[in-house]
N, C-alpha and C. Protein backbone atom coordinates (compact mmCIF):
# COMPACT_ATOMS: atom_id res chain seq x y z
N MET A 1 73.98 169.98 115.73
CA MET A 1 74.33 169.18 116.89
C MET A 1 73.32 168.04 117.00
N LYS A 2 73.84 166.85 117.11
CA LYS A 2 73.02 165.65 117.21
C LYS A 2 72.91 165.26 118.69
N GLN A 3 71.84 164.60 119.08
CA GLN A 3 71.69 164.10 120.45
C GLN A 3 71.67 162.59 120.44
N LEU A 4 72.40 162.01 121.39
CA LEU A 4 72.44 160.56 121.56
C LEU A 4 72.01 160.21 122.96
N GLU A 5 71.18 159.17 123.08
CA GLU A 5 70.83 158.67 124.40
C GLU A 5 71.78 157.52 124.72
N VAL A 6 72.42 157.60 125.86
CA VAL A 6 73.39 156.57 126.26
C VAL A 6 73.07 156.10 127.68
N GLN A 7 73.66 154.98 128.05
CA GLN A 7 73.52 154.42 129.38
C GLN A 7 74.88 154.40 130.06
N ILE A 8 74.93 154.95 131.26
CA ILE A 8 76.14 154.88 132.08
C ILE A 8 75.73 154.34 133.43
N MET A 9 76.26 153.22 133.80
CA MET A 9 75.97 152.54 135.05
C MET A 9 74.46 152.39 135.26
N GLY A 10 73.77 152.03 134.16
CA GLY A 10 72.35 151.75 134.22
C GLY A 10 71.44 152.97 134.19
N GLN A 11 72.00 154.16 134.07
CA GLN A 11 71.19 155.37 134.03
C GLN A 11 71.29 156.00 132.64
N SER A 12 70.16 156.49 132.13
CA SER A 12 70.12 157.09 130.79
C SER A 12 70.54 158.55 130.85
N TYR A 13 71.28 158.95 129.81
CA TYR A 13 71.70 160.35 129.63
C TYR A 13 71.49 160.72 128.18
N LEU A 14 70.99 161.93 127.93
CA LEU A 14 70.85 162.47 126.60
C LEU A 14 72.00 163.46 126.40
N LEU A 15 72.92 163.13 125.50
CA LEU A 15 74.12 163.93 125.31
C LEU A 15 74.15 164.57 123.93
N GLY A 16 74.62 165.80 123.88
CA GLY A 16 74.82 166.48 122.61
C GLY A 16 76.12 166.01 121.98
N CYS A 17 76.11 165.91 120.67
CA CYS A 17 77.27 165.40 119.95
C CYS A 17 77.36 166.08 118.60
N PRO A 18 78.55 166.58 118.23
CA PRO A 18 78.68 167.17 116.90
C PRO A 18 78.55 166.10 115.82
N GLU A 19 78.06 166.49 114.67
CA GLU A 19 77.93 165.54 113.56
C GLU A 19 79.30 164.92 113.28
N GLY A 20 79.31 163.61 113.10
CA GLY A 20 80.54 162.89 112.83
C GLY A 20 81.31 162.47 114.07
N GLY A 21 80.86 162.89 115.24
CA GLY A 21 81.57 162.56 116.47
C GLY A 21 80.94 161.44 117.26
N GLU A 22 79.97 160.77 116.67
CA GLU A 22 79.23 159.74 117.39
C GLU A 22 80.12 158.62 117.91
N SER A 23 81.02 158.12 117.09
CA SER A 23 81.85 156.99 117.52
C SER A 23 82.79 157.40 118.65
N ARG A 24 83.32 158.62 118.59
CA ARG A 24 84.19 159.09 119.67
C ARG A 24 83.42 159.24 120.97
N LEU A 25 82.20 159.77 120.88
CA LEU A 25 81.38 159.93 122.08
C LEU A 25 81.01 158.56 122.66
N LEU A 26 80.61 157.63 121.81
CA LEU A 26 80.24 156.30 122.29
C LEU A 26 81.43 155.58 122.91
N ASP A 27 82.63 155.80 122.37
CA ASP A 27 83.84 155.23 122.96
C ASP A 27 84.08 155.83 124.35
N ALA A 28 83.91 157.13 124.47
CA ALA A 28 84.09 157.80 125.76
C ALA A 28 83.06 157.29 126.78
N VAL A 29 81.81 157.13 126.34
CA VAL A 29 80.77 156.62 127.22
C VAL A 29 81.13 155.22 127.70
N GLU A 30 81.62 154.39 126.80
CA GLU A 30 82.01 153.01 127.17
C GLU A 30 83.13 153.02 128.21
N ARG A 31 84.13 153.91 128.02
CA ARG A 31 85.23 153.99 128.97
C ARG A 31 84.75 154.45 130.35
N VAL A 32 83.87 155.45 130.38
CA VAL A 32 83.35 155.96 131.65
C VAL A 32 82.49 154.90 132.32
N ASP A 33 81.61 154.24 131.55
CA ASP A 33 80.75 153.21 132.11
C ASP A 33 81.57 152.06 132.69
N THR A 34 82.58 151.63 131.95
CA THR A 34 83.44 150.54 132.43
C THR A 34 84.16 150.94 133.71
N ALA A 35 84.73 152.14 133.75
CA ALA A 35 85.46 152.61 134.93
C ALA A 35 84.53 152.69 136.14
N MET A 36 83.34 153.24 135.94
CA MET A 36 82.40 153.38 137.06
C MET A 36 81.90 152.02 137.54
N CYS A 37 81.61 151.12 136.63
CA CYS A 37 81.13 149.79 137.02
C CYS A 37 82.19 149.00 137.77
N LYS A 38 83.45 149.14 137.38
CA LYS A 38 84.53 148.45 138.11
C LYS A 38 84.60 148.92 139.56
N ILE A 39 84.48 150.23 139.75
CA ILE A 39 84.53 150.78 141.11
C ILE A 39 83.32 150.32 141.91
N ARG A 40 82.13 150.40 141.29
CA ARG A 40 80.90 149.96 141.96
C ARG A 40 80.97 148.48 142.32
N ASP A 41 81.43 147.66 141.37
CA ASP A 41 81.45 146.21 141.57
C ASP A 41 82.48 145.78 142.61
N ALA A 42 83.48 146.61 142.86
CA ALA A 42 84.47 146.29 143.89
C ALA A 42 83.84 146.37 145.28
N GLY A 43 82.70 147.08 145.38
CA GLY A 43 81.97 147.12 146.63
C GLY A 43 82.50 148.08 147.67
N LYS A 44 83.52 148.85 147.35
CA LYS A 44 84.12 149.75 148.32
C LYS A 44 83.35 151.07 148.42
N VAL A 45 82.73 151.49 147.32
CA VAL A 45 82.06 152.78 147.25
C VAL A 45 80.64 152.55 146.74
N LYS A 46 79.67 153.17 147.39
CA LYS A 46 78.27 152.97 147.00
C LYS A 46 77.66 154.20 146.33
N ALA A 47 78.05 155.40 146.75
CA ALA A 47 77.42 156.62 146.25
C ALA A 47 77.83 156.88 144.80
N ARG A 48 76.84 157.10 143.94
CA ARG A 48 77.07 157.31 142.52
C ARG A 48 78.00 158.50 142.26
N ASP A 49 77.83 159.59 143.02
CA ASP A 49 78.67 160.77 142.79
C ASP A 49 80.13 160.49 143.15
N ARG A 50 80.36 159.73 144.18
CA ARG A 50 81.74 159.38 144.55
C ARG A 50 82.35 158.43 143.53
N ILE A 51 81.55 157.50 143.04
CA ILE A 51 82.03 156.60 141.99
C ILE A 51 82.42 157.41 140.76
N ALA A 52 81.59 158.39 140.41
CA ALA A 52 81.88 159.22 139.23
C ALA A 52 83.17 160.01 139.41
N VAL A 53 83.38 160.58 140.59
CA VAL A 53 84.60 161.35 140.84
C VAL A 53 85.82 160.45 140.77
N LEU A 54 85.77 159.29 141.40
CA LEU A 54 86.90 158.36 141.36
C LEU A 54 87.18 157.88 139.94
N ALA A 55 86.14 157.59 139.18
CA ALA A 55 86.32 157.15 137.79
C ALA A 55 86.95 158.28 136.97
N ALA A 56 86.48 159.51 137.17
CA ALA A 56 87.04 160.65 136.43
C ALA A 56 88.52 160.84 136.78
N LEU A 57 88.86 160.74 138.04
CA LEU A 57 90.26 160.87 138.45
C LEU A 57 91.11 159.76 137.84
N ASN A 58 90.60 158.56 137.86
CA ASN A 58 91.35 157.44 137.31
C ASN A 58 91.56 157.60 135.80
N LEU A 59 90.52 157.99 135.08
CA LEU A 59 90.63 158.18 133.63
C LEU A 59 91.58 159.34 133.30
N ALA A 60 91.51 160.42 134.07
CA ALA A 60 92.41 161.55 133.85
C ALA A 60 93.86 161.14 134.11
N PHE A 61 94.07 160.36 135.16
CA PHE A 61 95.40 159.86 135.50
C PHE A 61 95.94 158.98 134.38
N GLU A 62 95.10 158.07 133.88
CA GLU A 62 95.52 157.19 132.79
C GLU A 62 95.80 157.99 131.51
N ASN A 63 94.97 158.99 131.24
CA ASN A 63 95.15 159.83 130.06
C ASN A 63 96.47 160.60 130.15
N HIS A 64 96.77 161.12 131.32
CA HIS A 64 98.02 161.84 131.52
C HIS A 64 99.22 160.90 131.29
N ASP A 65 99.13 159.69 131.83
CA ASP A 65 100.20 158.71 131.64
C ASP A 65 100.36 158.35 130.17
N ALA A 66 99.24 158.22 129.46
CA ALA A 66 99.29 157.86 128.04
C ALA A 66 99.98 158.95 127.23
N LYS A 67 99.78 160.20 127.58
CA LYS A 67 100.43 161.30 126.87
C LYS A 67 101.93 161.32 127.12
N ASP A 68 102.33 160.96 128.34
CA ASP A 68 103.75 160.98 128.70
C ASP A 68 104.50 159.73 128.29
N ALA A 69 103.77 158.65 128.04
CA ALA A 69 104.41 157.36 127.78
C ALA A 69 104.92 157.28 126.35
N THR A 70 106.01 156.57 126.21
CA THR A 70 106.49 156.23 124.87
C THR A 70 106.08 154.79 124.61
N PRO A 71 105.74 154.44 123.39
CA PRO A 71 105.30 153.07 123.12
C PRO A 71 106.37 152.05 123.49
N ASP A 72 106.00 151.11 124.33
CA ASP A 72 106.90 150.05 124.76
C ASP A 72 106.08 148.78 124.95
N PRO A 73 106.11 147.86 123.99
CA PRO A 73 105.27 146.66 124.07
C PRO A 73 105.58 145.80 125.28
N ALA A 74 106.77 145.92 125.86
CA ALA A 74 107.14 145.11 127.01
C ALA A 74 106.72 145.76 128.33
N ALA A 75 106.18 146.97 128.25
CA ALA A 75 105.81 147.67 129.48
C ALA A 75 104.63 146.99 130.15
N THR A 76 104.64 147.01 131.48
CA THR A 76 103.53 146.45 132.25
C THR A 76 102.64 147.58 132.72
N PRO A 77 101.36 147.30 132.96
CA PRO A 77 100.46 148.35 133.41
C PRO A 77 100.91 148.91 134.75
N ARG A 78 100.68 150.19 134.95
CA ARG A 78 101.06 150.86 136.19
C ARG A 78 100.12 150.44 137.31
N SER A 79 100.66 150.31 138.49
CA SER A 79 99.83 149.95 139.63
C SER A 79 99.63 151.12 140.57
N ASP A 80 100.08 152.31 140.19
CA ASP A 80 99.97 153.45 141.10
C ASP A 80 98.89 154.44 140.68
N SER A 81 97.90 153.97 139.92
CA SER A 81 96.81 154.86 139.54
C SER A 81 95.96 155.14 140.78
N PRO A 82 95.22 156.27 140.79
CA PRO A 82 94.46 156.63 141.98
C PRO A 82 93.46 155.57 142.41
N VAL A 83 92.82 154.91 141.47
CA VAL A 83 91.88 153.86 141.81
C VAL A 83 92.51 152.55 141.38
N ASP A 84 92.86 151.73 142.34
CA ASP A 84 93.57 150.50 142.07
C ASP A 84 92.59 149.36 141.80
N ASN A 85 91.65 149.61 140.86
CA ASN A 85 90.64 148.62 140.47
C ASN A 85 89.92 148.01 141.67
N GLY A 86 89.65 148.84 142.68
CA GLY A 86 88.87 148.37 143.81
C GLY A 86 89.67 147.74 144.92
N HIS A 87 90.97 147.59 144.75
CA HIS A 87 91.77 147.00 145.81
C HIS A 87 91.90 147.99 146.95
N ASN A 88 92.19 147.51 148.12
CA ASN A 88 92.29 148.34 149.30
C ASN A 88 93.66 149.03 149.34
N SER A 89 93.91 149.90 148.38
CA SER A 89 95.20 150.57 148.27
C SER A 89 95.23 151.85 149.10
N PRO A 90 96.41 152.28 149.51
CA PRO A 90 96.53 153.56 150.23
C PRO A 90 96.04 154.74 149.38
N GLN A 91 96.27 154.69 148.05
CA GLN A 91 95.81 155.77 147.18
C GLN A 91 94.28 155.87 147.20
N LEU A 92 93.61 154.73 147.12
CA LEU A 92 92.16 154.72 147.12
C LEU A 92 91.63 155.22 148.46
N GLN A 93 92.22 154.75 149.53
CA GLN A 93 91.76 155.18 150.86
C GLN A 93 91.96 156.67 151.05
N GLY A 94 93.08 157.21 150.56
CA GLY A 94 93.34 158.65 150.65
C GLY A 94 92.33 159.45 149.86
N LEU A 95 92.02 158.99 148.63
CA LEU A 95 91.02 159.67 147.81
C LEU A 95 89.64 159.63 148.47
N LEU A 96 89.28 158.49 149.03
CA LEU A 96 87.99 158.39 149.69
C LEU A 96 87.90 159.32 150.89
N GLN A 97 88.97 159.42 151.65
CA GLN A 97 88.97 160.33 152.80
C GLN A 97 88.84 161.78 152.35
N ARG A 98 89.57 162.15 151.29
CA ARG A 98 89.46 163.51 150.79
C ARG A 98 88.06 163.79 150.25
N LEU A 99 87.47 162.81 149.55
CA LEU A 99 86.10 162.99 149.06
C LEU A 99 85.12 163.18 150.21
N ASP A 100 85.28 162.39 151.26
CA ASP A 100 84.41 162.54 152.42
C ASP A 100 84.53 163.94 153.02
N GLN A 101 85.75 164.47 153.09
CA GLN A 101 85.95 165.81 153.64
C GLN A 101 85.30 166.87 152.75
N VAL A 102 85.52 166.74 151.43
CA VAL A 102 84.98 167.73 150.49
C VAL A 102 83.47 167.67 150.44
N LEU A 103 82.93 166.46 150.38
CA LEU A 103 81.48 166.31 150.24
C LEU A 103 80.74 166.61 151.54
N GLY A 104 81.42 166.45 152.66
CA GLY A 104 80.76 166.72 153.94
C GLY A 104 79.59 165.79 154.18
N GLY A 105 78.65 166.27 154.95
CA GLY A 105 77.52 165.43 155.34
C GLY A 105 76.44 165.33 154.29
N ASP A 106 76.37 166.28 153.34
CA ASP A 106 75.26 166.26 152.40
C ASP A 106 75.52 165.46 151.15
N GLY A 107 76.75 165.05 150.90
CA GLY A 107 77.06 164.23 149.74
C GLY A 107 77.00 164.95 148.43
N GLN A 108 77.04 166.28 148.44
CA GLN A 108 76.96 167.07 147.21
C GLN A 108 78.31 167.71 146.91
N LEU A 109 78.73 167.65 145.65
CA LEU A 109 79.99 168.27 145.26
C LEU A 109 79.90 169.79 145.28
N LEU A 110 78.78 170.37 144.90
CA LEU A 110 78.63 171.82 144.86
C LEU A 110 77.55 172.30 145.80
């Protein structure tokens, strides 16, 4: 098992990686970093843990759609993903409200 140091939203992480999986891991890190930075840069959410949860939900939603989708070059991107790229969407507001309820006053997931 190899270890790689990566940066996600400006913070360093040391991640384990199987030999030969470096490019896949770095691609995943890039996708997570991009998703988290978009949410942070939209200015709607400040807490790193909430940004991470929203990014994870958005990536899982997109991954699910990609598995169900058939290739169609004329298709347009979906606008009903949980995180609407920082726009003030009802889906985003609902997710933020649910996160606030789950996290409570201490801001901890567990």
